[in-house]
Structures are given as structure tokens and as C-alpha cells.
Amino acid sequence: MRKILKTVVLSTVALSAGLGGAAARAADDRAYLDPPLTPERSMTTERLGNPGAITQPGTRPGTQPGTLGQPGTVGQPGAIELPLTTVGKAKDLGTGQLRHEIVGIKPQIGALMFKDQQLNASSRAIQGVTVDGNLATMINKDWNTLFVGPSVGVLYSHLGDPTSNFIGTNPTSQMGAGGANLLLLPANLKLGLNLADNFRIAAHGGGNLVYRSMASSMNLGDSALGSDSAWKLFPNVGADAEFGLGNNVALMLRPDWTVTPGDTLFSGTVALNIPLT
């Protein structure tokens, strides 16, 4: 009986010792895999939300490596960094500038200089509108250095009596020409060069169709007499200087000479150019 009790006691002690060693080894394994919580490891755990997570080289905690535009992308081995740029269409750049003008609408005002029926030098106000078209840019928008195309329009002046003021009214003496008017219809070819995006010089020439409600109101050297009205086509030549003030607005200076058998008819106008591109 004693021998049996001794054997049971020894077996119980051996089993307890074995279980204790296994428990110690398991604790050591857990300590190795899950080290004690330290302040540094605590901060990392809060950021990651995953205790024991391993941060990959080149990334910041909480980010995925290789994600475009996210922290951790820069510095990844083999990664190709592309600059972030805005892609624009070249044809959208410079829209509304003189260089890209296809049609220009140009209301204008200025002065008309001529010799009246008494052969005295006179001047009157003149106003109207001209329209220019650029065949070069109509055909090919890349030909925007040149301006080649028609220039047409209508200009009006009230002449009145020879002794009238600048707008043809309040004459100092009545000479029966108070109702005299003038229409000037240019039918020209315009050749120009765009020296910059918003600066152009040009020459125009061809013919000016001149209407006088009283043909004798000015000395043009033709055969019209008395109070008869007259339409006459005379050659002309002139120049244009255009300055862009912004998109779709420019200023134009337009001197013009109409060559007649009598005295040369001169008009000088300032125009507000509205370029359509």
C-alpha cells in the first residue's frame, strides 16, 4: 500500500513540474511575439490602430505604399515621379487677340479735310463703321502673322454751308448748301503684319465710292455742277495702326487719302476695334 501511494505522489509531482515548464515557455513565447507596451510603441499603436503592426520602409504610419499623391509614395524604390501639370489646349490661349482676328468690326469717328466750293480749306466731323476680314486666318489659323483681306464700310459727314462749324451747322453766311452731306464707302484690300499678339500695322488701298448730296459742296475736280447729287469712285490709299487693349477690344488709327482730279480728300479716324476670333 505504501509503495502505491509513493508512486502516485511521485507521478503527481512530475506532472506538475512538466505543466509549469510548459506554461513558462508559453509566457516566454508571448513576451517575444508581443513585447511589453512602451511609450514609443503606444504612440505607434494609436496611429496604426493595430498593435504590433510592422511599418514598411519609405512609408508613414497609416498609409499604403505606392499610392499616388499619398504620403509614402516619394522615395519608394523604382517609383517614377511625374510632375503634376495642367494640360491646356493651345488653341484656347490668346483668344480675342489681334493676332487671331478673323473679322474686325470698327466703329469710328474723326475729321474730314477738303476744299469747299470757294476753294477754302475746311474740316468736318466724320463717323461710321468699317469691317475688316482676314482671309489668312480664315484659311489657316496658324497663318496669324499676316493680315490679308477686304476692308469695307460706310462713313458719313454733314458738310452744310462752307462757313459752317465742325459739325456742319451755324454758318456765318447762308450760301444755299445747308443740306449738303457726304457718304464715303471704302472698298479696299488690307495688307498687314502682326508684330505682336496685340499690335498690328497695315496698309489699305483700292477705291472710295464718294456720294455728295450737293456735288458742288467740295472741289473734287469732276464734272458735277450745281446742286445735283453725284456718285463718284476715286482711288484711295491709307494706313492702319492697331493696338490691343485686352481680349476682344482694340484701338485703331486710320488715316486715308482719296485721290481726285481736284483736291485730295483726307479723313483721319480713331476706331474701337472689336476683333472676332
Foldseek 3Di string as FASTA:
>chain_A
DVVVVVVVVVVVVVVVVVVVVVVVVVVVVCCVQQPDDDPVQVVLCVQQVDRPDDDDPQADRPDDEPDPPDRSPPPDPPRDDDDDDDDDDPVVPLAQFQLQFAKKKKWKKFKKWAAFLVRHIDIAIKTWIKMWGFVQCVVPSVSSFKRKTWIWIKMKAQQAAPQADRRQDDRPDDDPRRRKMKMKIDTWIKIWGDPDRFKIKIKIWDKIWMKIQAVRGGPQPDDGDGRHIDIDIFIKIWMWIWGDPDRQWIKIWIWMWTHGPTDIMIIIIIIIIGGHD
